[in-house]
Amino acid sequence: MLYQSGRQVVIASERSPRDLNTMDERLRSRFQSGLIADIGPPDLETRIAILEMCRQREGAEVSDEVLHYIGSAIQSNIRALEGALTRLLAYSSVMGVPPTVELAQNVLGEYLIDKPIPARGLTPEAIIQAVADQFGVDAAEIVGTNRNKDVSLARHVAMYLCRELLPEQRARHIGAAFGRRDHTTFLYACQRIITLQEIDPELRQAILRLRRSLGR
């Protein structure tokens, strides 16, 4: 056996070893004696990277905007992401139409169980104002050039929430709401907030409150 010969054995499961009630107790105890790591769902940037690899593998002409929409809407697992992109490409080919965000909204409805399309009325401006109120700064400062530490954090939170909550909106539309900031700025802001949430529970709670106030 691999175990007896000192080989490394890696086993993946949707449940903890102690919850595998139908399995022999000896096997369960063996599994529990090893290193158990909880692997959560991939974050937004990882999901988009996975979709980019699928796009390259398929040689498909799909815009970054569409990949961002799919990555934002589907948060469960890699299989769901790949299945959604495959479905979109198949429909696009059969119908002879380009794979746009609008098409993705129409044909991927059954996949969007993690993050449904946001309700109409939620705009970048509404998110910016909500963040401004939460952080006690002026909305004009968020979209301006003020580099104050508090304003900068609020700006990055607003960018992060726009990317998370408005996946169907075009990047240039959201960028225009922030003084025409480019895609690279948004990527930096989102990555910063993702990292900060892992080490700053107060920020994480503030973002949760913002989501609730925005109906998300």
N, C-alpha and C. Protein backbone atom coordinates (compact mmCIF):
# COMPACT_ATOMS: atom_id res chain seq x y z
N MET A 1 0.83 -1.20 0.00
CA MET A 1 0.00 0.00 0.00
C MET A 1 0.87 1.25 0.00
N LEU A 2 0.32 2.33 -0.56
CA LEU A 2 1.06 3.58 -0.61
C LEU A 2 1.42 4.06 0.80
N TYR A 3 0.47 3.98 1.73
CA TYR A 3 0.70 4.46 3.10
C TYR A 3 1.83 3.68 3.76
N GLN A 4 1.81 2.36 3.60
CA GLN A 4 2.82 1.51 4.24
C GLN A 4 4.20 1.71 3.63
N SER A 5 4.24 2.15 2.38
CA SER A 5 5.54 2.37 1.72
C SER A 5 6.05 3.79 1.93
N GLY A 6 5.35 4.56 2.76
CA GLY A 6 5.81 5.90 3.08
C GLY A 6 5.49 6.95 2.04
N ARG A 7 4.58 6.61 1.13
CA ARG A 7 4.19 7.58 0.10
C ARG A 7 3.19 8.59 0.67
N GLN A 8 3.14 9.75 0.04
CA GLN A 8 2.17 10.77 0.45
C GLN A 8 0.84 10.51 -0.22
N VAL A 9 -0.22 10.55 0.56
CA VAL A 9 -1.57 10.31 0.04
C VAL A 9 -2.40 11.56 0.29
N VAL A 10 -3.02 12.07 -0.76
CA VAL A 10 -3.86 13.25 -0.65
C VAL A 10 -5.29 12.87 -1.01
N ILE A 11 -6.22 13.14 -0.12
CA ILE A 11 -7.62 12.80 -0.33
C ILE A 11 -8.47 14.06 -0.19
N ALA A 12 -9.37 14.28 -1.14
CA ALA A 12 -10.26 15.44 -1.09
C ALA A 12 -11.68 14.97 -0.78
N SER A 13 -12.37 15.73 0.02
CA SER A 13 -13.73 15.38 0.41
C SER A 13 -14.51 16.63 0.73
N GLU A 14 -15.82 16.57 0.54
CA GLU A 14 -16.67 17.70 0.88
C GLU A 14 -17.01 17.71 2.37
N ARG A 15 -16.61 16.68 3.10
CA ARG A 15 -16.92 16.58 4.52
C ARG A 15 -15.66 16.31 5.33
N SER A 16 -15.72 16.68 6.60
CA SER A 16 -14.63 16.37 7.51
C SER A 16 -14.61 14.86 7.76
N PRO A 17 -13.44 14.27 8.05
CA PRO A 17 -13.37 12.82 8.32
C PRO A 17 -14.34 12.36 9.41
N ARG A 18 -14.54 13.19 10.42
CA ARG A 18 -15.43 12.79 11.52
C ARG A 18 -16.89 12.73 11.09
N ASP A 19 -17.22 13.34 9.95
CA ASP A 19 -18.60 13.33 9.46
C ASP A 19 -18.87 12.21 8.46
N LEU A 20 -17.85 11.40 8.16
CA LEU A 20 -18.02 10.29 7.21
C LEU A 20 -18.56 9.08 7.97
N ASN A 21 -19.82 9.17 8.39
CA ASN A 21 -20.41 8.18 9.30
C ASN A 21 -20.56 6.79 8.69
N THR A 22 -20.67 6.72 7.38
CA THR A 22 -20.87 5.41 6.75
C THR A 22 -19.55 4.68 6.48
N MET A 23 -18.44 5.32 6.80
CA MET A 23 -17.13 4.72 6.55
C MET A 23 -16.64 3.98 7.79
N ASP A 24 -15.83 2.96 7.54
CA ASP A 24 -15.26 2.18 8.64
C ASP A 24 -14.50 3.08 9.61
N GLU A 25 -14.68 2.82 10.92
CA GLU A 25 -14.07 3.66 11.95
C GLU A 25 -12.55 3.69 11.84
N ARG A 26 -11.93 2.58 11.44
CA ARG A 26 -10.48 2.54 11.32
C ARG A 26 -9.98 3.48 10.23
N LEU A 27 -10.72 3.53 9.13
CA LEU A 27 -10.33 4.44 8.06
C LEU A 27 -10.50 5.90 8.48
N ARG A 28 -11.60 6.16 9.18
CA ARG A 28 -11.84 7.53 9.63
C ARG A 28 -10.73 8.00 10.58
N SER A 29 -10.32 7.13 11.48
CA SER A 29 -9.27 7.51 12.43
C SER A 29 -7.95 7.73 11.70
N ARG A 30 -7.69 6.94 10.65
CA ARG A 30 -6.47 7.13 9.85
C ARG A 30 -6.50 8.50 9.17
N PHE A 31 -7.65 8.85 8.61
CA PHE A 31 -7.78 10.13 7.93
C PHE A 31 -7.58 11.28 8.93
N GLN A 32 -8.11 11.13 10.12
CA GLN A 32 -8.01 12.18 11.12
C GLN A 32 -6.59 12.35 11.65
N SER A 33 -5.76 11.33 11.48
CA SER A 33 -4.38 11.42 11.97
C SER A 33 -3.49 12.23 11.04
N GLY A 34 -3.99 12.51 9.84
CA GLY A 34 -3.19 13.29 8.89
C GLY A 34 -3.46 14.77 8.99
N LEU A 35 -2.87 15.53 8.10
CA LEU A 35 -3.07 16.98 8.06
C LEU A 35 -4.39 17.26 7.35
N ILE A 36 -5.29 17.96 8.05
CA ILE A 36 -6.59 18.30 7.50
C ILE A 36 -6.61 19.79 7.19
N ALA A 37 -6.86 20.14 5.95
CA ALA A 37 -6.88 21.54 5.54
C ALA A 37 -8.24 21.87 4.92
N ASP A 38 -8.83 22.94 5.39
CA ASP A 38 -10.11 23.40 4.85
C ASP A 38 -9.83 24.33 3.67
N ILE A 39 -10.26 23.94 2.49
CA ILE A 39 -10.03 24.73 1.29
C ILE A 39 -11.34 25.40 0.91
N GLY A 40 -11.39 26.71 1.07
CA GLY A 40 -12.60 27.45 0.77
C GLY A 40 -12.73 27.75 -0.71
N PRO A 41 -13.84 28.37 -1.10
CA PRO A 41 -14.04 28.73 -2.51
C PRO A 41 -13.03 29.77 -2.95
N PRO A 42 -12.65 29.79 -4.22
CA PRO A 42 -11.66 30.77 -4.71
C PRO A 42 -12.21 32.19 -4.65
N ASP A 43 -11.31 33.17 -4.41
CA ASP A 43 -11.75 34.56 -4.39
C ASP A 43 -11.95 35.05 -5.83
N LEU A 44 -12.40 36.29 -5.95
CA LEU A 44 -12.76 36.83 -7.26
C LEU A 44 -11.60 36.78 -8.24
N GLU A 45 -10.42 37.24 -7.81
CA GLU A 45 -9.29 37.27 -8.74
C GLU A 45 -8.89 35.88 -9.18
N THR A 46 -8.99 34.90 -8.28
CA THR A 46 -8.67 33.51 -8.65
C THR A 46 -9.69 32.98 -9.63
N ARG A 47 -10.97 33.30 -9.39
CA ARG A 47 -12.02 32.83 -10.30
C ARG A 47 -11.83 33.38 -11.71
N ILE A 48 -11.46 34.66 -11.78
CA ILE A 48 -11.22 35.26 -13.09
C ILE A 48 -10.00 34.62 -13.76
N ALA A 49 -8.96 34.34 -12.97
CA ALA A 49 -7.77 33.69 -13.53
C ALA A 49 -8.10 32.31 -14.08
N ILE A 50 -8.98 31.59 -13.38
CA ILE A 50 -9.40 30.26 -13.86
C ILE A 50 -10.13 30.39 -15.19
N LEU A 51 -11.01 31.38 -15.28
CA LEU A 51 -11.75 31.60 -16.52
C LEU A 51 -10.82 32.02 -17.65
N GLU A 52 -9.80 32.79 -17.33
CA GLU A 52 -8.82 33.20 -18.36
C GLU A 52 -8.09 31.98 -18.92
N MET A 53 -7.75 31.04 -18.04
CA MET A 53 -7.10 29.81 -18.51
C MET A 53 -8.03 29.01 -19.40
N CYS A 54 -9.31 28.96 -19.04
CA CYS A 54 -10.29 28.26 -19.88
C CYS A 54 -10.41 28.94 -21.23
N ARG A 55 -10.41 30.28 -21.23
CA ARG A 55 -10.50 31.01 -22.49
C ARG A 55 -9.31 30.69 -23.39
N GLN A 56 -8.11 30.66 -22.81
CA GLN A 56 -6.92 30.34 -23.59
C GLN A 56 -6.97 28.91 -24.11
N ARG A 57 -7.42 28.00 -23.26
CA ARG A 57 -7.48 26.59 -23.66
C ARG A 57 -8.45 26.38 -24.83
N GLU A 58 -9.58 27.11 -24.78
CA GLU A 58 -10.59 26.98 -25.83
C GLU A 58 -10.29 27.85 -27.05
N GLY A 59 -9.35 28.79 -26.89
CA GLY A 59 -9.07 29.71 -27.98
C GLY A 59 -10.26 30.58 -28.31
N ALA A 60 -11.04 30.91 -27.28
CA ALA A 60 -12.29 31.64 -27.48
C ALA A 60 -12.08 33.14 -27.40
N GLU A 61 -12.88 33.88 -28.16
CA GLU A 61 -12.84 35.33 -28.13
C GLU A 61 -13.91 35.83 -27.16
N VAL A 62 -13.51 35.92 -25.90
CA VAL A 62 -14.41 36.38 -24.84
C VAL A 62 -13.73 37.55 -24.13
N SER A 63 -14.45 38.63 -23.96
CA SER A 63 -13.85 39.83 -23.36
C SER A 63 -13.59 39.65 -21.87
N ASP A 64 -12.66 40.45 -21.35
CA ASP A 64 -12.38 40.44 -19.91
C ASP A 64 -13.63 40.81 -19.13
N GLU A 65 -14.44 41.67 -19.68
CA GLU A 65 -15.66 42.11 -19.01
C GLU A 65 -16.62 40.93 -18.78
N VAL A 66 -16.74 40.06 -19.77
CA VAL A 66 -17.60 38.89 -19.63
C VAL A 66 -17.03 37.93 -18.58
N LEU A 67 -15.72 37.74 -18.62
CA LEU A 67 -15.10 36.86 -17.62
C LEU A 67 -15.31 37.41 -16.21
N HIS A 68 -15.20 38.71 -16.06
CA HIS A 68 -15.40 39.32 -14.75
C HIS A 68 -16.84 39.13 -14.29
N TYR A 69 -17.78 39.26 -15.22
CA TYR A 69 -19.19 39.06 -14.86
C TYR A 69 -19.42 37.63 -14.37
N ILE A 70 -18.92 36.65 -15.11
CA ILE A 70 -19.11 35.25 -14.72
C ILE A 70 -18.43 34.97 -13.39
N GLY A 71 -17.18 35.47 -13.24
CA GLY A 71 -16.44 35.24 -12.01
C GLY A 71 -17.11 35.87 -10.81
N SER A 72 -17.77 37.02 -11.00
CA SER A 72 -18.47 37.68 -9.90
C SER A 72 -19.77 36.98 -9.56
N ALA A 73 -20.44 36.46 -10.58
CA ALA A 73 -21.75 35.85 -10.37
C ALA A 73 -21.67 34.45 -9.79
N ILE A 74 -20.60 33.73 -10.09
CA ILE A 74 -20.49 32.32 -9.68
C ILE A 74 -19.33 32.18 -8.71
N GLN A 75 -19.64 31.80 -7.48
CA GLN A 75 -18.62 31.76 -6.44
C GLN A 75 -18.42 30.36 -5.85
N SER A 76 -19.12 29.37 -6.35
CA SER A 76 -19.13 28.06 -5.69
C SER A 76 -17.87 27.26 -5.93
N ASN A 77 -17.58 26.89 -7.18
CA ASN A 77 -16.44 26.02 -7.43
C ASN A 77 -15.98 26.14 -8.88
N ILE A 78 -14.85 25.51 -9.16
CA ILE A 78 -14.25 25.60 -10.49
C ILE A 78 -15.13 24.94 -11.55
N ARG A 79 -15.74 23.81 -11.20
CA ARG A 79 -16.58 23.11 -12.18
C ARG A 79 -17.74 23.99 -12.65
N ALA A 80 -18.34 24.74 -11.71
CA ALA A 80 -19.44 25.62 -12.08
C ALA A 80 -18.96 26.75 -12.99
N LEU A 81 -17.77 27.28 -12.71
CA LEU A 81 -17.21 28.34 -13.54
C LEU A 81 -16.97 27.84 -14.97
N GLU A 82 -16.30 26.70 -15.08
CA GLU A 82 -15.99 26.15 -16.40
C GLU A 82 -17.27 25.78 -17.14
N GLY A 83 -18.23 25.21 -16.42
CA GLY A 83 -19.50 24.84 -17.04
C GLY A 83 -20.25 26.05 -17.57
N ALA A 84 -20.22 27.14 -16.81
CA ALA A 84 -20.91 28.35 -17.23
C ALA A 84 -20.28 28.92 -18.50
N LEU A 85 -18.94 28.97 -18.54
CA LEU A 85 -18.27 29.50 -19.72
C LEU A 85 -18.51 28.60 -20.93
N THR A 86 -18.47 27.29 -20.73
CA THR A 86 -18.73 26.36 -21.82
C THR A 86 -20.14 26.53 -22.37
N ARG A 87 -21.10 26.69 -21.47
CA ARG A 87 -22.49 26.88 -21.88
C ARG A 87 -22.65 28.17 -22.68
N LEU A 88 -22.01 29.23 -22.20
CA LEU A 88 -22.10 30.51 -22.89
C LEU A 88 -21.51 30.42 -24.29
N LEU A 89 -20.33 29.80 -24.40
CA LEU A 89 -19.67 29.68 -25.70
C LEU A 89 -20.49 28.82 -26.67
N ALA A 90 -21.09 27.75 -26.15
CA ALA A 90 -21.91 26.88 -27.00
C ALA A 90 -23.13 27.63 -27.53
N TYR A 91 -23.79 28.37 -26.65
CA TYR A 91 -24.97 29.13 -27.06
C TYR A 91 -24.58 30.21 -28.07
N SER A 92 -23.45 30.87 -27.80
CA SER A 92 -22.99 31.92 -28.70
C SER A 92 -22.71 31.36 -30.09
N SER A 93 -22.09 30.16 -30.15
CA SER A 93 -21.77 29.54 -31.43
C SER A 93 -23.03 29.11 -32.18
N VAL A 94 -23.95 28.49 -31.48
CA VAL A 94 -25.17 27.99 -32.11
C VAL A 94 -26.03 29.14 -32.65
N MET A 95 -26.13 30.21 -31.85
CA MET A 95 -26.99 31.32 -32.24
C MET A 95 -26.28 32.32 -33.16
N GLY A 96 -24.96 32.18 -33.29
CA GLY A 96 -24.22 33.09 -34.15
C GLY A 96 -24.14 34.51 -33.63
N VAL A 97 -24.06 34.64 -32.31
CA VAL A 97 -23.98 35.97 -31.70
C VAL A 97 -22.76 36.03 -30.79
N PRO A 98 -22.19 37.21 -30.55
CA PRO A 98 -21.00 37.31 -29.70
C PRO A 98 -21.34 37.06 -28.24
N PRO A 99 -20.39 36.53 -27.46
CA PRO A 99 -20.61 36.25 -26.04
C PRO A 99 -20.48 37.50 -25.19
N THR A 100 -21.53 38.31 -25.14
CA THR A 100 -21.51 39.56 -24.39
C THR A 100 -22.02 39.34 -22.96
N VAL A 101 -21.89 40.37 -22.14
CA VAL A 101 -22.42 40.31 -20.78
C VAL A 101 -23.93 40.11 -20.82
N GLU A 102 -24.59 40.82 -21.74
CA GLU A 102 -26.04 40.70 -21.85
C GLU A 102 -26.45 39.27 -22.18
N LEU A 103 -25.70 38.63 -23.08
CA LEU A 103 -26.00 37.24 -23.42
C LEU A 103 -25.77 36.34 -22.22
N ALA A 104 -24.71 36.58 -21.49
CA ALA A 104 -24.41 35.78 -20.30
C ALA A 104 -25.54 35.89 -19.28
N GLN A 105 -26.09 37.08 -19.12
CA GLN A 105 -27.21 37.26 -18.20
C GLN A 105 -28.39 36.40 -18.59
N ASN A 106 -28.63 36.29 -19.89
CA ASN A 106 -29.80 35.56 -20.38
C ASN A 106 -29.64 34.05 -20.31
N VAL A 107 -28.44 33.54 -20.62
CA VAL A 107 -28.29 32.09 -20.75
C VAL A 107 -27.71 31.41 -19.52
N LEU A 108 -27.19 32.20 -18.57
CA LEU A 108 -26.58 31.58 -17.39
C LEU A 108 -27.41 31.74 -16.13
N GLY A 109 -28.68 32.04 -16.29
CA GLY A 109 -29.53 32.29 -15.13
C GLY A 109 -29.51 31.18 -14.10
N GLU A 110 -29.54 29.94 -14.54
CA GLU A 110 -29.59 28.82 -13.60
C GLU A 110 -28.29 28.65 -12.83
N TYR A 111 -27.20 29.23 -13.34
CA TYR A 111 -25.93 29.13 -12.64
C TYR A 111 -25.77 30.21 -11.57
N LEU A 112 -26.50 31.29 -11.71
CA LEU A 112 -26.27 32.45 -10.86
C LEU A 112 -26.95 32.30 -9.51
N ILE A 113 -26.67 31.19 -8.83
CA ILE A 113 -27.30 30.93 -7.55
C ILE A 113 -26.51 31.54 -6.41
N ASP A 114 -25.23 31.84 -6.62
CA ASP A 114 -24.41 32.42 -5.56
C ASP A 114 -24.60 33.92 -5.46
N LYS A 115 -24.71 34.55 -6.60
CA LYS A 115 -24.84 36.01 -6.62
C LYS A 115 -25.77 36.38 -7.77
N PRO A 116 -27.05 36.47 -7.52
CA PRO A 116 -27.98 36.85 -8.57
C PRO A 116 -27.64 38.24 -9.12
N ILE A 117 -28.15 38.53 -10.30
CA ILE A 117 -27.93 39.84 -10.89
C ILE A 117 -28.51 40.89 -9.96
N PRO A 118 -27.74 41.90 -9.60
CA PRO A 118 -28.23 42.91 -8.67
C PRO A 118 -29.52 43.57 -9.13
N ALA A 119 -30.32 43.98 -8.16
CA ALA A 119 -31.58 44.64 -8.48
C ALA A 119 -31.31 45.95 -9.19
N ARG A 120 -32.22 46.30 -10.07
CA ARG A 120 -32.07 47.57 -10.76
C ARG A 120 -32.13 48.71 -9.74
N GLY A 121 -31.40 49.76 -10.01
CA GLY A 121 -31.38 50.88 -9.10
C GLY A 121 -30.08 50.98 -8.34
N LEU A 122 -29.34 49.86 -8.21
CA LEU A 122 -28.05 49.90 -7.54
C LEU A 122 -27.02 50.41 -8.53
N THR A 123 -26.39 51.51 -8.21
CA THR A 123 -25.45 52.15 -9.12
C THR A 123 -24.12 52.38 -8.42
N PRO A 124 -23.06 52.65 -9.18
CA PRO A 124 -21.78 52.99 -8.55
C PRO A 124 -21.92 54.19 -7.62
N GLU A 125 -22.72 55.17 -8.04
CA GLU A 125 -22.91 56.36 -7.23
C GLU A 125 -23.57 56.04 -5.90
N ALA A 126 -24.54 55.10 -5.91
CA ALA A 126 -25.21 54.70 -4.66
C ALA A 126 -24.24 53.99 -3.73
N ILE A 127 -23.37 53.16 -4.30
CA ILE A 127 -22.37 52.45 -3.49
C ILE A 127 -21.37 53.45 -2.90
N ILE A 128 -20.92 54.40 -3.71
CA ILE A 128 -19.97 55.41 -3.24
C ILE A 128 -20.56 56.20 -2.08
N GLN A 129 -21.83 56.59 -2.20
CA GLN A 129 -22.46 57.36 -1.13
C GLN A 129 -22.60 56.54 0.14
N ALA A 130 -22.96 55.26 -0.01
CA ALA A 130 -23.10 54.39 1.16
C ALA A 130 -21.76 54.23 1.88
N VAL A 131 -20.70 54.06 1.10
CA VAL A 131 -19.36 53.93 1.69
C VAL A 131 -18.95 55.23 2.37
N ALA A 132 -19.24 56.35 1.73
CA ALA A 132 -18.91 57.65 2.32
C ALA A 132 -19.59 57.83 3.67
N ASP A 133 -20.87 57.45 3.74
CA ASP A 133 -21.61 57.56 5.00
C ASP A 133 -21.02 56.64 6.06
N GLN A 134 -20.66 55.42 5.65
CA GLN A 134 -20.11 54.44 6.59
C GLN A 134 -18.77 54.89 7.17
N PHE A 135 -17.93 55.48 6.32
CA PHE A 135 -16.57 55.84 6.74
C PHE A 135 -16.45 57.30 7.19
N GLY A 136 -17.56 58.04 7.12
CA GLY A 136 -17.53 59.42 7.58
C GLY A 136 -16.70 60.35 6.73
N VAL A 137 -16.71 60.13 5.42
CA VAL A 137 -15.99 61.01 4.50
C VAL A 137 -16.98 61.53 3.47
N ASP A 138 -16.54 62.46 2.65
CA ASP A 138 -17.40 63.02 1.62
C ASP A 138 -17.29 62.20 0.34
N ALA A 139 -18.43 61.97 -0.31
CA ALA A 139 -18.42 61.19 -1.55
C ALA A 139 -17.53 61.83 -2.61
N ALA A 140 -17.49 63.15 -2.62
CA ALA A 140 -16.65 63.85 -3.60
C ALA A 140 -15.18 63.55 -3.37
N GLU A 141 -14.78 63.31 -2.12
CA GLU A 141 -13.39 62.97 -1.83
C GLU A 141 -13.05 61.58 -2.34
N ILE A 142 -14.02 60.66 -2.26
CA ILE A 142 -13.79 59.29 -2.73
C ILE A 142 -13.49 59.27 -4.23
N VAL A 143 -14.23 60.04 -4.99
CA VAL A 143 -14.04 60.04 -6.44
C VAL A 143 -12.97 61.04 -6.87
N GLY A 144 -12.44 61.83 -5.92
CA GLY A 144 -11.42 62.82 -6.24
C GLY A 144 -10.01 62.27 -6.09
N THR A 145 -9.08 63.15 -5.80
CA THR A 145 -7.66 62.76 -5.75
C THR A 145 -7.09 62.82 -4.34
N ASN A 146 -7.94 63.03 -3.34
CA ASN A 146 -7.48 63.09 -1.95
C ASN A 146 -6.78 61.79 -1.57
N ARG A 147 -5.55 61.89 -1.07
CA ARG A 147 -4.77 60.70 -0.72
C ARG A 147 -4.73 60.45 0.79
N ASN A 148 -5.60 61.15 1.53
CA ASN A 148 -5.71 60.90 2.96
C ASN A 148 -5.96 59.42 3.22
N LYS A 149 -5.35 58.89 4.29
CA LYS A 149 -5.43 57.46 4.57
C LYS A 149 -6.87 56.96 4.66
N ASP A 150 -7.72 57.68 5.40
CA ASP A 150 -9.11 57.27 5.56
C ASP A 150 -9.89 57.34 4.25
N VAL A 151 -9.63 58.40 3.50
CA VAL A 151 -10.32 58.56 2.21
C VAL A 151 -9.86 57.48 1.24
N SER A 152 -8.57 57.18 1.24
CA SER A 152 -8.04 56.16 0.35
C SER A 152 -8.65 54.80 0.65
N LEU A 153 -8.79 54.47 1.94
CA LEU A 153 -9.41 53.19 2.31
C LEU A 153 -10.85 53.15 1.86
N ALA A 154 -11.59 54.24 2.10
CA ALA A 154 -12.99 54.29 1.68
C ALA A 154 -13.11 54.14 0.17
N ARG A 155 -12.21 54.78 -0.57
CA ARG A 155 -12.22 54.68 -2.03
C ARG A 155 -12.01 53.24 -2.48
N HIS A 156 -11.06 52.56 -1.86
CA HIS A 156 -10.78 51.18 -2.24
C HIS A 156 -11.94 50.25 -1.88
N VAL A 157 -12.58 50.50 -0.75
CA VAL A 157 -13.76 49.71 -0.38
C VAL A 157 -14.88 49.92 -1.40
N ALA A 158 -15.08 51.17 -1.81
CA ALA A 158 -16.12 51.46 -2.79
C ALA A 158 -15.83 50.77 -4.13
N MET A 159 -14.57 50.79 -4.54
CA MET A 159 -14.19 50.11 -5.79
C MET A 159 -14.43 48.61 -5.66
N TYR A 160 -14.03 48.05 -4.53
CA TYR A 160 -14.21 46.62 -4.29
C TYR A 160 -15.69 46.24 -4.35
N LEU A 161 -16.55 47.02 -3.70
CA LEU A 161 -17.98 46.71 -3.69
C LEU A 161 -18.59 46.88 -5.07
N CYS A 162 -18.12 47.87 -5.83
CA CYS A 162 -18.64 48.03 -7.20
C CYS A 162 -18.30 46.81 -8.04
N ARG A 163 -17.09 46.31 -7.90
CA ARG A 163 -16.68 45.12 -8.65
C ARG A 163 -17.49 43.90 -8.22
N GLU A 164 -17.76 43.80 -6.91
CA GLU A 164 -18.47 42.64 -6.38
C GLU A 164 -19.97 42.69 -6.66
N LEU A 165 -20.57 43.86 -6.53
CA LEU A 165 -22.03 43.97 -6.57
C LEU A 165 -22.59 44.38 -7.93
N LEU A 166 -21.74 44.86 -8.81
CA LEU A 166 -22.21 45.30 -10.12
C LEU A 166 -21.47 44.58 -11.25
N PRO A 167 -21.47 43.25 -11.26
CA PRO A 167 -20.71 42.52 -12.28
C PRO A 167 -21.24 42.72 -13.69
N GLU A 168 -22.51 43.16 -13.78
CA GLU A 168 -23.10 43.31 -15.12
C GLU A 168 -22.77 44.66 -15.75
N GLN A 169 -22.19 45.58 -14.99
CA GLN A 169 -21.92 46.90 -15.52
C GLN A 169 -20.56 46.94 -16.22
N ARG A 170 -20.49 47.71 -17.25
CA ARG A 170 -19.25 47.83 -18.01
C ARG A 170 -18.18 48.53 -17.17
N ALA A 171 -16.94 48.07 -17.33
CA ALA A 171 -15.84 48.60 -16.54
C ALA A 171 -15.68 50.10 -16.72
N ARG A 172 -15.87 50.57 -17.95
CA ARG A 172 -15.67 52.01 -18.19
C ARG A 172 -16.76 52.84 -17.52
N HIS A 173 -17.96 52.25 -17.36
CA HIS A 173 -19.03 52.96 -16.68
C HIS A 173 -18.70 53.15 -15.21
N ILE A 174 -18.23 52.06 -14.57
CA ILE A 174 -17.84 52.15 -13.16
C ILE A 174 -16.63 53.06 -13.01
N GLY A 175 -15.66 52.93 -13.92
CA GLY A 175 -14.47 53.76 -13.86
C GLY A 175 -14.81 55.24 -13.96
N ALA A 176 -15.82 55.58 -14.77
CA ALA A 176 -16.22 56.97 -14.93
C ALA A 176 -16.74 57.55 -13.61
N ALA A 177 -17.39 56.71 -12.81
CA ALA A 177 -17.92 57.16 -11.52
C ALA A 177 -16.81 57.49 -10.53
N PHE A 178 -15.61 56.96 -10.78
CA PHE A 178 -14.47 57.22 -9.91
C PHE A 178 -13.44 58.14 -10.58
N GLY A 179 -13.92 59.07 -11.36
CA GLY A 179 -13.00 60.00 -12.00
C GLY A 179 -12.21 59.38 -13.13
N ARG A 180 -12.82 58.39 -13.80
CA ARG A 180 -12.21 57.71 -14.95
C ARG A 180 -10.93 56.98 -14.58
N ARG A 181 -10.93 56.33 -13.43
CA ARG A 181 -9.78 55.52 -13.04
C ARG A 181 -9.76 54.24 -13.86
N ASP A 182 -8.56 53.71 -14.10
CA ASP A 182 -8.43 52.58 -15.02
C ASP A 182 -8.57 51.23 -14.32
N HIS A 183 -8.54 50.18 -15.14
CA HIS A 183 -8.74 48.81 -14.66
C HIS A 183 -7.67 48.39 -13.65
N THR A 184 -6.43 48.81 -13.88
CA THR A 184 -5.34 48.44 -12.97
C THR A 184 -5.58 48.98 -11.57
N THR A 185 -6.09 50.18 -11.48
CA THR A 185 -6.38 50.78 -10.18
C THR A 185 -7.43 49.97 -9.44
N PHE A 186 -8.44 49.51 -10.16
CA PHE A 186 -9.49 48.71 -9.54
C PHE A 186 -8.93 47.37 -9.06
N LEU A 187 -8.07 46.76 -9.85
CA LEU A 187 -7.49 45.48 -9.45
C LEU A 187 -6.68 45.64 -8.16
N TYR A 188 -5.89 46.70 -8.08
CA TYR A 188 -5.10 46.95 -6.88
C TYR A 188 -6.01 47.17 -5.67
N ALA A 189 -7.06 47.98 -5.86
CA ALA A 189 -7.98 48.27 -4.76
C ALA A 189 -8.66 47.01 -4.27
N CYS A 190 -9.12 46.19 -5.19
CA CYS A 190 -9.83 44.96 -4.81
C CYS A 190 -8.90 44.00 -4.06
N GLN A 191 -7.68 43.85 -4.56
CA GLN A 191 -6.75 42.94 -3.91
C GLN A 191 -6.38 43.44 -2.53
N ARG A 192 -6.26 44.75 -2.38
CA ARG A 192 -5.93 45.31 -1.07
C ARG A 192 -7.05 45.03 -0.06
N ILE A 193 -8.30 45.22 -0.48
CA ILE A 193 -9.43 45.01 0.43
C ILE A 193 -9.58 43.52 0.76
N ILE A 194 -9.36 42.65 -0.22
CA ILE A 194 -9.43 41.21 0.04
C ILE A 194 -8.41 40.82 1.11
N THR A 195 -7.19 41.37 0.98
CA THR A 195 -6.13 41.07 1.95
C THR A 195 -6.44 41.65 3.32
N LEU A 196 -6.88 42.90 3.35
CA LEU A 196 -7.16 43.56 4.62
C LEU A 196 -8.29 42.87 5.40
N GLN A 197 -9.29 42.36 4.67
CA GLN A 197 -10.41 41.70 5.35
C GLN A 197 -9.95 40.48 6.13
N GLU A 198 -8.89 39.84 5.66
CA GLU A 198 -8.40 38.63 6.33
C GLU A 198 -7.73 38.94 7.66
N ILE A 199 -7.24 40.18 7.83
CA ILE A 199 -6.51 40.50 9.06
C ILE A 199 -7.19 41.60 9.88
N ASP A 200 -8.24 42.19 9.33
CA ASP A 200 -8.92 43.30 10.02
C ASP A 200 -10.40 42.98 10.18
N PRO A 201 -10.80 42.39 11.30
CA PRO A 201 -12.21 42.02 11.51
C PRO A 201 -13.15 43.22 11.50
N GLU A 202 -12.68 44.39 11.95
CA GLU A 202 -13.54 45.57 11.95
C GLU A 202 -13.88 46.00 10.52
N LEU A 203 -12.89 45.94 9.64
CA LEU A 203 -13.15 46.27 8.24
C LEU A 203 -14.10 45.26 7.63
N ARG A 204 -13.87 43.98 7.93
CA ARG A 204 -14.74 42.93 7.41
C ARG A 204 -16.19 43.16 7.83
N GLN A 205 -16.41 43.53 9.09
CA GLN A 205 -17.76 43.79 9.57
C GLN A 205 -18.35 45.03 8.92
N ALA A 206 -17.52 46.04 8.70
CA ALA A 206 -18.01 47.26 8.04
C ALA A 206 -18.49 46.95 6.63
N ILE A 207 -17.76 46.09 5.92
CA ILE A 207 -18.16 45.73 4.56
C ILE A 207 -19.43 44.89 4.58
N LEU A 208 -19.58 44.03 5.57
CA LEU A 208 -20.82 43.26 5.70
C LEU A 208 -22.00 44.18 5.95
N ARG A 209 -21.80 45.19 6.79
CA ARG A 209 -22.88 46.15 7.05
C ARG A 209 -23.25 46.90 5.77
N LEU A 210 -22.24 47.25 4.98
CA LEU A 210 -22.50 47.94 3.73
C LEU A 210 -23.28 47.06 2.76
N ARG A 211 -22.91 45.80 2.69
CA ARG A 211 -23.64 44.86 1.83
C ARG A 211 -25.11 44.78 2.23
N ARG A 212 -25.34 44.70 3.54
CA ARG A 212 -26.73 44.61 4.01
C ARG A 212 -27.49 45.89 3.69
N SER A 213 -26.84 47.03 3.89
CA SER A 213 -27.52 48.29 3.62
C SER A 213 -27.84 48.48 2.14
N LEU A 214 -27.03 47.84 1.29
CA LEU A 214 -27.24 47.92 -0.16
C LEU A 214 -28.11 46.78 -0.68
N GLY A 215 -28.60 45.98 0.24
CA GLY A 215 -29.48 44.87 -0.15
C GLY A 215 -28.76 43.68 -0.72
N ARG A 216 -27.43 43.54 -0.41
CA ARG A 216 -26.63 42.43 -0.95
C ARG A 216 -26.00 41.65 0.17
